[in-house]
């Protein structure tokens, strides 16, 4: 069964990853740790991270909504 994260949960995942990053680069194992902690797939965690970084890179507000 696949768990669908709410937008609030997706923000929590992003902030969890952000705390484990330095200059936008994640520490090894951070995505696996997040997927276990939040009971979601690695691809979901990766998508949240990339989407949030892209929105920041374009100077937009944080966007981690599901597509």
PDB file of N, CA and C in Angstrom:
ATOM      1  N   UNK A   1       0.836  -1.195   0.000  1.00  0.00           N
ATOM      2  CA  UNK A   1       0.000   0.000   0.000  1.00  0.00           C
ATOM      3  C   UNK A   1       0.874   1.249   0.000  1.00  0.00           C
ATOM      4  N   UNK A   2       0.572   2.192  -0.870  1.00  0.00           N
ATOM      5  CA  UNK A   2       1.326   3.428  -0.997  1.00  0.00           C
ATOM      6  C   UNK A   2       0.689   4.497  -0.115  1.00  0.00           C
ATOM      7  N   UNK A   3       1.527   5.176   0.647  1.00  0.00           N
ATOM      8  CA  UNK A   3       1.021   6.239   1.517  1.00  0.00           C
ATOM      9  C   UNK A   3       1.083   7.562   0.767  1.00  0.00           C
ATOM     10  N   UNK A   4      -0.061   8.252   0.699  1.00  0.00           N
ATOM     11  CA  UNK A   4      -0.091   9.587   0.102  1.00  0.00           C
ATOM     12  C   UNK A   4       0.135  10.601   1.202  1.00  0.00           C
ATOM     13  N   UNK A   5       1.148  11.415   1.034  1.00  0.00           N
ATOM     14  CA  UNK A   5       1.463  12.434   2.032  1.00  0.00           C
ATOM     15  C   UNK A   5       0.628  13.684   1.797  1.00  0.00           C
ATOM     16  N   UNK A   6       0.188  14.298   2.892  1.00  0.00           N
ATOM     17  CA  UNK A   6      -0.497  15.580   2.788  1.00  0.00           C
ATOM     18  C   UNK A   6       0.548  16.654   2.487  1.00  0.00           C
ATOM     19  N   UNK A   7       0.109  17.825   2.119  1.00  0.00           N
ATOM     20  CA  UNK A   7       1.071  18.903   1.852  1.00  0.00           C
ATOM     21  C   UNK A   7       1.858  19.233   3.111  1.00  0.00           C
ATOM     22  N   UNK A   8       1.205  19.200   4.262  1.00  0.00           N
ATOM     23  CA  UNK A   8       1.892  19.465   5.527  1.00  0.00           C
ATOM     24  C   UNK A   8       2.974  18.421   5.776  1.00  0.00           C
ATOM     25  N   UNK A   9       2.659  17.155   5.537  1.00  0.00           N
ATOM     26  CA  UNK A   9       3.643  16.090   5.705  1.00  0.00           C
ATOM     27  C   UNK A   9       4.800  16.260   4.727  1.00  0.00           C
ATOM     28  N   UNK A  10       4.498  16.683   3.510  1.00  0.00           N
ATOM     29  CA  UNK A  10       5.546  16.909   2.514  1.00  0.00           C
ATOM     30  C   UNK A  10       6.477  18.040   2.953  1.00  0.00           C
ATOM     31  N   UNK A  11       5.918  19.075   3.565  1.00  0.00           N
ATOM     32  CA  UNK A  11       6.745  20.167   4.098  1.00  0.00           C
ATOM     33  C   UNK A  11       7.644  19.673   5.232  1.00  0.00           C
ATOM     34  N   UNK A  12       7.103  18.813   6.078  1.00  0.00           N
ATOM     35  CA  UNK A  12       7.885  18.247   7.179  1.00  0.00           C
ATOM     36  C   UNK A  12       9.042  17.416   6.624  1.00  0.00           C
ATOM     37  N   UNK A  13       8.774  16.628   5.592  1.00  0.00           N
ATOM     38  CA  UNK A  13       9.831  15.841   4.941  1.00  0.00           C
ATOM     39  C   UNK A  13      10.907  16.779   4.410  1.00  0.00           C
ATOM     40  N   UNK A  14      10.501  17.843   3.736  1.00  0.00           N
ATOM     41  CA  UNK A  14      11.482  18.785   3.186  1.00  0.00           C
ATOM     42  C   UNK A  14      12.335  19.398   4.296  1.00  0.00           C
ATOM     43  N   UNK A  15      11.712  19.834   5.375  1.00  0.00           N
ATOM     44  CA  UNK A  15      12.475  20.457   6.466  1.00  0.00           C
ATOM     45  C   UNK A  15      13.391  19.437   7.157  1.00  0.00           C
ATOM     46  N   UNK A  16      12.954  18.187   7.238  1.00  0.00           N
ATOM     47  CA  UNK A  16      13.793  17.114   7.756  1.00  0.00           C
ATOM     48  C   UNK A  16      15.055  17.001   6.897  1.00  0.00           C
ATOM     49  N   UNK A  17      14.877  17.008   5.576  1.00  0.00           N
ATOM     50  CA  UNK A  17      16.022  16.920   4.661  1.00  0.00           C
ATOM     51  C   UNK A  17      16.884  18.171   4.721  1.00  0.00           C
ATOM     52  N   UNK A  18      16.243  19.304   4.815  1.00  0.00           N
ATOM     53  CA  UNK A  18      16.973  20.571   4.863  1.00  0.00           C
ATOM     54  C   UNK A  18      17.917  20.608   6.062  1.00  0.00           C
ATOM     55  N   UNK A  19      17.469  20.068   7.181  1.00  0.00           N
ATOM     56  CA  UNK A  19      18.313  20.011   8.382  1.00  0.00           C
ATOM     57  C   UNK A  19      19.521  19.103   8.179  1.00  0.00           C
ATOM     58  N   UNK A  20      19.446  18.205   7.225  1.00  0.00           N
ATOM     59  CA  UNK A  20      20.523  17.256   6.955  1.00  0.00           C
ATOM     60  C   UNK A  20      21.319  17.635   5.707  1.00  0.00           C
ATOM     61  N   UNK A  21      21.235  18.889   5.330  1.00  0.00           N
ATOM     62  CA  UNK A  21      21.970  19.321   4.138  1.00  0.00           C
ATOM     63  C   UNK A  21      22.950  20.433   4.486  1.00  0.00           C
ATOM     64  N   UNK A  22      23.951  20.550   3.633  1.00  0.00           N
ATOM     65  CA  UNK A  22      24.929  21.626   3.732  1.00  0.00           C
ATOM     66  C   UNK A  22      25.061  22.224   2.348  1.00  0.00           C
ATOM     67  N   UNK A  23      24.762  23.515   2.240  1.00  0.00           N
ATOM     68  CA  UNK A  23      24.823  24.205   0.951  1.00  0.00           C
ATOM     69  C   UNK A  23      24.018  23.475  -0.121  1.00  0.00           C
ATOM     70  N   UNK A  24      22.847  22.947   0.258  1.00  0.00           N
ATOM     71  CA  UNK A  24      21.963  22.285  -0.694  1.00  0.00           C
ATOM     72  C   UNK A  24      22.328  20.855  -1.024  1.00  0.00           C
ATOM     73  N   UNK A  25      23.370  20.321  -0.385  1.00  0.00           N
ATOM     74  CA  UNK A  25      23.798  18.946  -0.638  1.00  0.00           C
ATOM     75  C   UNK A  25      23.481  18.094   0.588  1.00  0.00           C
ATOM     76  N   UNK A  26      22.739  17.003   0.348  1.00  0.00           N
ATOM     77  CA  UNK A  26      22.330  16.129   1.445  1.00  0.00           C
ATOM     78  C   UNK A  26      23.467  15.231   1.918  1.00  0.00           C
ATOM     79  N   UNK A  27      23.459  14.960   3.226  1.00  0.00           N
ATOM     80  CA  UNK A  27      24.399  13.987   3.771  1.00  0.00           C
ATOM     81  C   UNK A  27      23.987  12.599   3.284  1.00  0.00           C
ATOM     82  N   UNK A  28      24.953  11.714   3.145  1.00  0.00           N
ATOM     83  CA  UNK A  28      24.674  10.345   2.700  1.00  0.00           C
ATOM     84  C   UNK A  28      23.635   9.686   3.596  1.00  0.00           C
ATOM     85  N   UNK A  29      22.684   9.003   2.979  1.00  0.00           N
ATOM     86  CA  UNK A  29      21.676   8.263   3.713  1.00  0.00           C
ATOM     87  C   UNK A  29      20.472   9.068   4.157  1.00  0.00           C
ATOM     88  N   UNK A  30      20.469  10.381   3.911  1.00  0.00           N
ATOM     89  CA  UNK A  30      19.368  11.235   4.371  1.00  0.00           C
ATOM     90  C   UNK A  30      18.039  10.889   3.716  1.00  0.00           C
ATOM     91  N   UNK A  31      18.056  10.580   2.440  1.00  0.00           N
ATOM     92  CA  UNK A  31      16.800  10.258   1.751  1.00  0.00           C
ATOM     93  C   UNK A  31      16.245   8.922   2.221  1.00  0.00           C
ATOM     94  N   UNK A  32      17.115   7.954   2.435  1.00  0.00           N
ATOM     95  CA  UNK A  32      16.669   6.653   2.950  1.00  0.00           C
ATOM     96  C   UNK A  32      16.089   6.836   4.352  1.00  0.00           C
ATOM     97  N   UNK A  33      16.788   7.611   5.172  1.00  0.00           N
ATOM     98  CA  UNK A  33      16.318   7.883   6.528  1.00  0.00           C
ATOM     99  C   UNK A  33      14.929   8.533   6.500  1.00  0.00           C
ATOM    100  N   UNK A  34      14.734   9.495   5.601  1.00  0.00           N
ATOM    101  CA  UNK A  34      13.442  10.172   5.487  1.00  0.00           C
ATOM    102  C   UNK A  34      12.351   9.217   5.024  1.00  0.00           C
ATOM    103  N   UNK A  35      12.661   8.367   4.046  1.00  0.00           N
ATOM    104  CA  UNK A  35      11.636   7.445   3.545  1.00  0.00           C
ATOM    105  C   UNK A  35      11.201   6.465   4.637  1.00  0.00           C
ATOM    106  N   UNK A  36      12.123   6.051   5.484  1.00  0.00           N
ATOM    107  CA  UNK A  36      11.771   5.153   6.592  1.00  0.00           C
ATOM    108  C   UNK A  36      10.981   5.907   7.665  1.00  0.00           C
ATOM    109  N   UNK A  37      11.463   7.085   8.015  1.00  0.00           N
ATOM    110  CA  UNK A  37      10.822   7.873   9.077  1.00  0.00           C
ATOM    111  C   UNK A  37       9.383   8.238   8.728  1.00  0.00           C
ATOM    112  N   UNK A  38       9.150   8.578   7.462  1.00  0.00           N
ATOM    113  CA  UNK A  38       7.826   9.057   7.055  1.00  0.00           C
ATOM    114  C   UNK A  38       7.016   8.003   6.298  1.00  0.00           C
ATOM    115  N   UNK A  39       7.520   6.785   6.258  1.00  0.00           N
ATOM    116  CA  UNK A  39       6.814   5.649   5.635  1.00  0.00           C
ATOM    117  C   UNK A  39       6.350   5.957   4.215  1.00  0.00           C
ATOM    118  N   UNK A  40       7.274   6.440   3.418  1.00  0.00           N
ATOM    119  CA  UNK A  40       6.967   6.719   2.016  1.00  0.00           C
ATOM    120  C   UNK A  40       8.129   6.225   1.168  1.00  0.00           C
ATOM    121  N   UNK A  41       7.943   6.212  -0.123  1.00  0.00           N
ATOM    122  CA  UNK A  41       8.977   5.682  -1.010  1.00  0.00           C
ATOM    123  C   UNK A  41      10.134   6.665  -1.180  1.00  0.00           C
ATOM    124  N   UNK A  42      11.273   6.107  -1.577  1.00  0.00           N
ATOM    125  CA  UNK A  42      12.443   6.934  -1.879  1.00  0.00           C
ATOM    126  C   UNK A  42      12.136   7.918  -2.989  1.00  0.00           C
ATOM    127  N   UNK A  43      11.375   7.463  -3.994  1.00  0.00           N
ATOM    128  CA  UNK A  43      11.074   8.356  -5.121  1.00  0.00           C
ATOM    129  C   UNK A  43      10.231   9.537  -4.655  1.00  0.00           C
ATOM    130  N   UNK A  44       9.355   9.336  -3.689  1.00  0.00           N
ATOM    131  CA  UNK A  44       8.563  10.445  -3.143  1.00  0.00           C
ATOM    132  C   UNK A  44       9.474  11.451  -2.457  1.00  0.00           C
ATOM    133  N   UNK A  45      10.395  10.960  -1.643  1.00  0.00           N
ATOM    134  CA  UNK A  45      11.342  11.840  -0.944  1.00  0.00           C
ATOM    135  C   UNK A  45      12.189  12.609  -1.952  1.00  0.00           C
ATOM    136  N   UNK A  46      12.686  11.918  -2.969  1.00  0.00           N
ATOM    137  CA  UNK A  46      13.499  12.579  -3.997  1.00  0.00           C
ATOM    138  C   UNK A  46      12.701  13.657  -4.718  1.00  0.00           C
ATOM    139  N   UNK A  47      11.459  13.350  -5.041  1.00  0.00           N
ATOM    140  CA  UNK A  47      10.600  14.308  -5.748  1.00  0.00           C
ATOM    141  C   UNK A  47      10.366  15.560  -4.895  1.00  0.00           C
ATOM    142  N   UNK A  48      10.117  15.373  -3.603  1.00  0.00           N
ATOM    143  CA  UNK A  48       9.908  16.506  -2.693  1.00  0.00           C
ATOM    144  C   UNK A  48      11.155  17.376  -2.657  1.00  0.00           C
ATOM    145  N   UNK A  49      12.324  16.751  -2.524  1.00  0.00           N
ATOM    146  CA  UNK A  49      13.580  17.492  -2.432  1.00  0.00           C
ATOM    147  C   UNK A  49      13.858  18.292  -3.709  1.00  0.00           C
ATOM    148  N   UNK A  50      13.736  17.645  -4.848  1.00  0.00           N
ATOM    149  CA  UNK A  50      14.010  18.305  -6.131  1.00  0.00           C
ATOM    150  C   UNK A  50      13.001  19.426  -6.383  1.00  0.00           C
ATOM    151  N   UNK A  51      11.738  19.157  -6.137  1.00  0.00           N
ATOM    152  CA  UNK A  51      10.695  20.166  -6.379  1.00  0.00           C
ATOM    153  C   UNK A  51      10.916  21.403  -5.505  1.00  0.00           C
ATOM    154  N   UNK A  52      11.235  21.194  -4.239  1.00  0.00           N
ATOM    155  CA  UNK A  52      11.453  22.322  -3.326  1.00  0.00           C
ATOM    156  C   UNK A  52      12.705  23.107  -3.723  1.00  0.00           C
ATOM    157  N   UNK A  53      13.782  22.400  -4.054  1.00  0.00           N
ATOM    158  CA  UNK A  53      15.007  23.090  -4.473  1.00  0.00           C
ATOM    159  C   UNK A  53      14.768  23.899  -5.743  1.00  0.00           C
ATOM    160  N   UNK A  54      13.999  23.351  -6.686  1.00  0.00           N
ATOM    161  CA  UNK A  54      13.710  24.075  -7.928  1.00  0.00           C
ATOM    162  C   UNK A  54      12.891  25.333  -7.665  1.00  0.00           C
ATOM    163  N   UNK A  55      11.926  25.252  -6.759  1.00  0.00           N
ATOM    164  CA  UNK A  55      11.108  26.440  -6.477  1.00  0.00           C
ATOM    165  C   UNK A  55      11.959  27.518  -5.818  1.00  0.00           C
ATOM    166  N   UNK A  56      12.865  27.119  -4.909  1.00  0.00           N
ATOM    167  CA  UNK A  56      13.766  28.090  -4.281  1.00  0.00           C
ATOM    168  C   UNK A  56      14.719  28.682  -5.312  1.00  0.00           C
ATOM    169  N   UNK A  57      15.216  27.838  -6.203  1.00  0.00           N
ATOM    170  CA  UNK A  57      16.170  28.280  -7.221  1.00  0.00           C
ATOM    171  C   UNK A  57      15.591  29.321  -8.163  1.00  0.00           C
ATOM    172  N   UNK A  58      14.286  29.281  -8.352  1.00  0.00           N
ATOM    173  CA  UNK A  58      13.623  30.266  -9.216  1.00  0.00           C
ATOM    174  C   UNK A  58      13.110  31.454  -8.413  1.00  0.00           C
ATOM    175  N   UNK A  59      13.408  31.464  -7.095  1.00  0.00           N
ATOM    176  CA  UNK A  59      12.981  32.576  -6.252  1.00  0.00           C
ATOM    177  C   UNK A  59      11.506  32.535  -5.895  1.00  0.00           C
ATOM    178  N   UNK A  60      10.898  31.360  -6.014  1.00  0.00           N
ATOM    179  CA  UNK A  60       9.482  31.206  -5.704  1.00  0.00           C
ATOM    180  C   UNK A  60       9.315  30.697  -4.277  1.00  0.00           C
ATOM    181  N   UNK A  61       8.115  30.863  -3.715  1.00  0.00           N
ATOM    182  CA  UNK A  61       7.870  30.297  -2.373  1.00  0.00           C
ATOM    183  C   UNK A  61       7.969  28.763  -2.427  1.00  0.00           C
ATOM    184  N   UNK A  62       8.198  28.174  -1.261  1.00  0.00           N
ATOM    185  CA  UNK A  62       8.298  26.726  -1.176  1.00  0.00           C
ATOM    186  C   UNK A  62       7.077  26.053  -1.748  1.00  0.00           C
ATOM    187  N   UNK A  63       7.299  25.154  -2.712  1.00  0.00           N
ATOM    188  CA  UNK A  63       6.206  24.408  -3.322  1.00  0.00           C
ATOM    189  C   UNK A  63       6.539  22.927  -3.269  1.00  0.00           C
ATOM    190  N   UNK A  64       5.805  22.198  -2.410  1.00  0.00           N
ATOM    191  CA  UNK A  64       6.003  20.762  -2.316  1.00  0.00           C
ATOM    192  C   UNK A  64       4.692  20.033  -2.584  1.00  0.00           C
ATOM    193  N   UNK A  65       3.789  20.710  -3.253  1.00  0.00           N
ATOM    194  CA  UNK A  65       2.497  20.091  -3.553  1.00  0.00           C
ATOM    195  C   UNK A  65       2.694  18.888  -4.451  1.00  0.00           C
ATOM    196  N   UNK A  66       1.784  17.922  -4.319  1.00  0.00           N
ATOM    197  CA  UNK A  66       1.890  16.752  -5.187  1.00  0.00           C
ATOM    198  C   UNK A  66       1.416  17.146  -6.570  1.00  0.00           C
ATOM    199  N   UNK A  67       2.022  16.552  -7.575  1.00  0.00           N
ATOM    200  CA  UNK A  67       1.694  16.940  -8.953  1.00  0.00           C
ATOM    201  C   UNK A  67       0.687  16.018  -9.546  1.00  0.00           C
TER     202      UNK A  67
END
